[in-house]
Protein backbone atom coordinates (compact mmCIF):
# COMPACT_ATOMS: atom_id res chain seq x y z
CA MET A 1 23.37 -23.61 40.36
CA PRO A 2 25.60 -24.69 42.90
CA LEU A 3 27.64 -27.82 42.73
CA VAL A 4 26.34 -31.07 44.14
CA THR A 5 29.27 -32.81 46.12
CA CYS A 6 29.42 -36.04 47.69
CA ARG A 7 32.20 -37.15 50.33
CA LEU A 8 34.24 -40.41 49.39
CA ALA A 9 36.98 -40.41 52.09
CA GLU A 10 38.06 -37.87 54.68
CA ASP A 11 40.74 -37.59 57.51
CA LYS A 12 41.94 -34.89 59.76
CA ALA A 13 43.94 -33.18 56.71
CA GLY A 14 40.81 -33.10 54.33
CA LYS A 15 38.67 -34.58 52.23
CA TRP A 16 38.08 -36.35 48.66
CA GLN A 17 34.95 -35.44 46.96
CA ILE A 18 32.78 -35.72 43.99
CA ALA A 19 31.72 -32.48 42.38
CA PHE A 20 29.05 -32.53 40.05
CA ASP A 21 28.07 -29.51 37.99
CA ARG A 22 24.29 -30.23 36.90
CA GLU A 23 24.29 -27.31 34.45
CA ALA A 24 27.26 -28.24 32.57
CA LEU A 25 26.83 -32.08 33.17
CA HIS A 26 30.35 -32.02 34.43
CA VAL A 27 31.88 -34.31 37.17
CA CYS A 28 35.01 -34.23 38.64
CA ILE A 29 36.92 -35.37 41.85
CA GLU A 30 38.56 -32.91 44.33
CA PHE A 31 40.81 -33.43 47.25
CA ILE A 32 40.13 -30.18 49.82
CA HIS A 33 42.47 -29.62 52.71
CA TYR A 34 40.69 -28.26 55.82
CA GLY A 35 41.08 -24.56 56.22
CA CYS A 36 41.70 -23.83 52.65
CA ALA A 37 38.94 -23.26 49.75
CA PRO A 38 38.44 -25.44 46.94
CA VAL A 39 40.43 -24.52 43.82
CA PRO A 40 38.57 -25.61 40.80
CA LYS A 41 41.31 -25.73 38.27
CA GLU A 42 42.93 -28.43 40.54
CA TRP A 43 40.09 -30.35 40.14
CA ILE A 44 40.71 -33.64 38.36
CA SER A 45 38.85 -35.68 35.79
CA VAL A 46 37.12 -38.86 36.76
CA GLU A 47 39.33 -40.59 34.32
CA ASP A 48 42.45 -39.40 35.76
CA PHE A 49 41.15 -40.08 39.34
CA LEU A 50 40.28 -43.80 38.25
CA ALA A 51 43.82 -44.24 36.05
CA TRP A 52 46.33 -43.17 39.36
CA THR A 53 47.93 -45.50 41.66
CA PRO A 54 46.45 -44.61 45.24
CA ARG A 55 48.87 -42.60 47.04
CA ASN A 56 47.90 -43.35 50.61
CA PRO A 57 45.34 -45.11 52.51
CA LEU A 58 42.87 -42.41 52.26
CA HIS A 59 43.32 -41.87 48.54
CA ARG A 60 42.57 -45.62 48.23
CA GLN A 61 39.64 -45.35 50.15
CA ALA A 62 38.12 -42.71 48.25
CA LEU A 63 38.96 -44.68 45.09
CA ASP A 64 37.12 -47.56 46.69
CA CYS A 65 34.14 -45.70 47.58
CA PHE A 66 33.93 -44.05 44.16
CA THR A 67 34.09 -47.47 42.42
CA ALA A 68 31.14 -48.83 44.68
CA PHE A 69 29.18 -45.65 43.93
CA LEU A 70 29.65 -46.26 40.20
CA ALA A 71 28.56 -50.12 40.52
CA LYS A 72 25.70 -49.21 42.65
CA ALA A 73 24.43 -46.59 40.16
CA ILE A 74 25.24 -49.01 37.21
CA PHE A 75 23.37 -51.75 38.95
CA ALA A 76 20.18 -49.74 40.06
CA GLN A 77 19.77 -48.31 36.49
CA SER A 78 20.02 -51.77 34.98
CA LEU A 79 17.11 -52.70 37.26
CA VAL A 80 15.09 -49.99 35.84
CA SER A 81 15.89 -50.89 31.98
C-alpha cells in the first residue's frame, strides 16, 4: 500500500510533509527537495521532529502546522468519546 502524505509547509526549495504507512502503522516527517526523490532512510520520527529547534522559517511553519494538525485531531476525537 502506498504512503499517505500530507504537506505541512513548502517553499521554492522543497516541502515538509507527514508520511504515514497504514500497513506498518508508521508515521514520520520528511523534507523533500524539489527535483530529488524521497530518501526513506532520511525521514525522521515525529518525536525527533517535535524536539528540534526550528532551523528556519519554513521549518517553523511545518512545526506549527503539525502541532495544529495534532491538536485538531485530538480535539475531534475527544468530541466522539
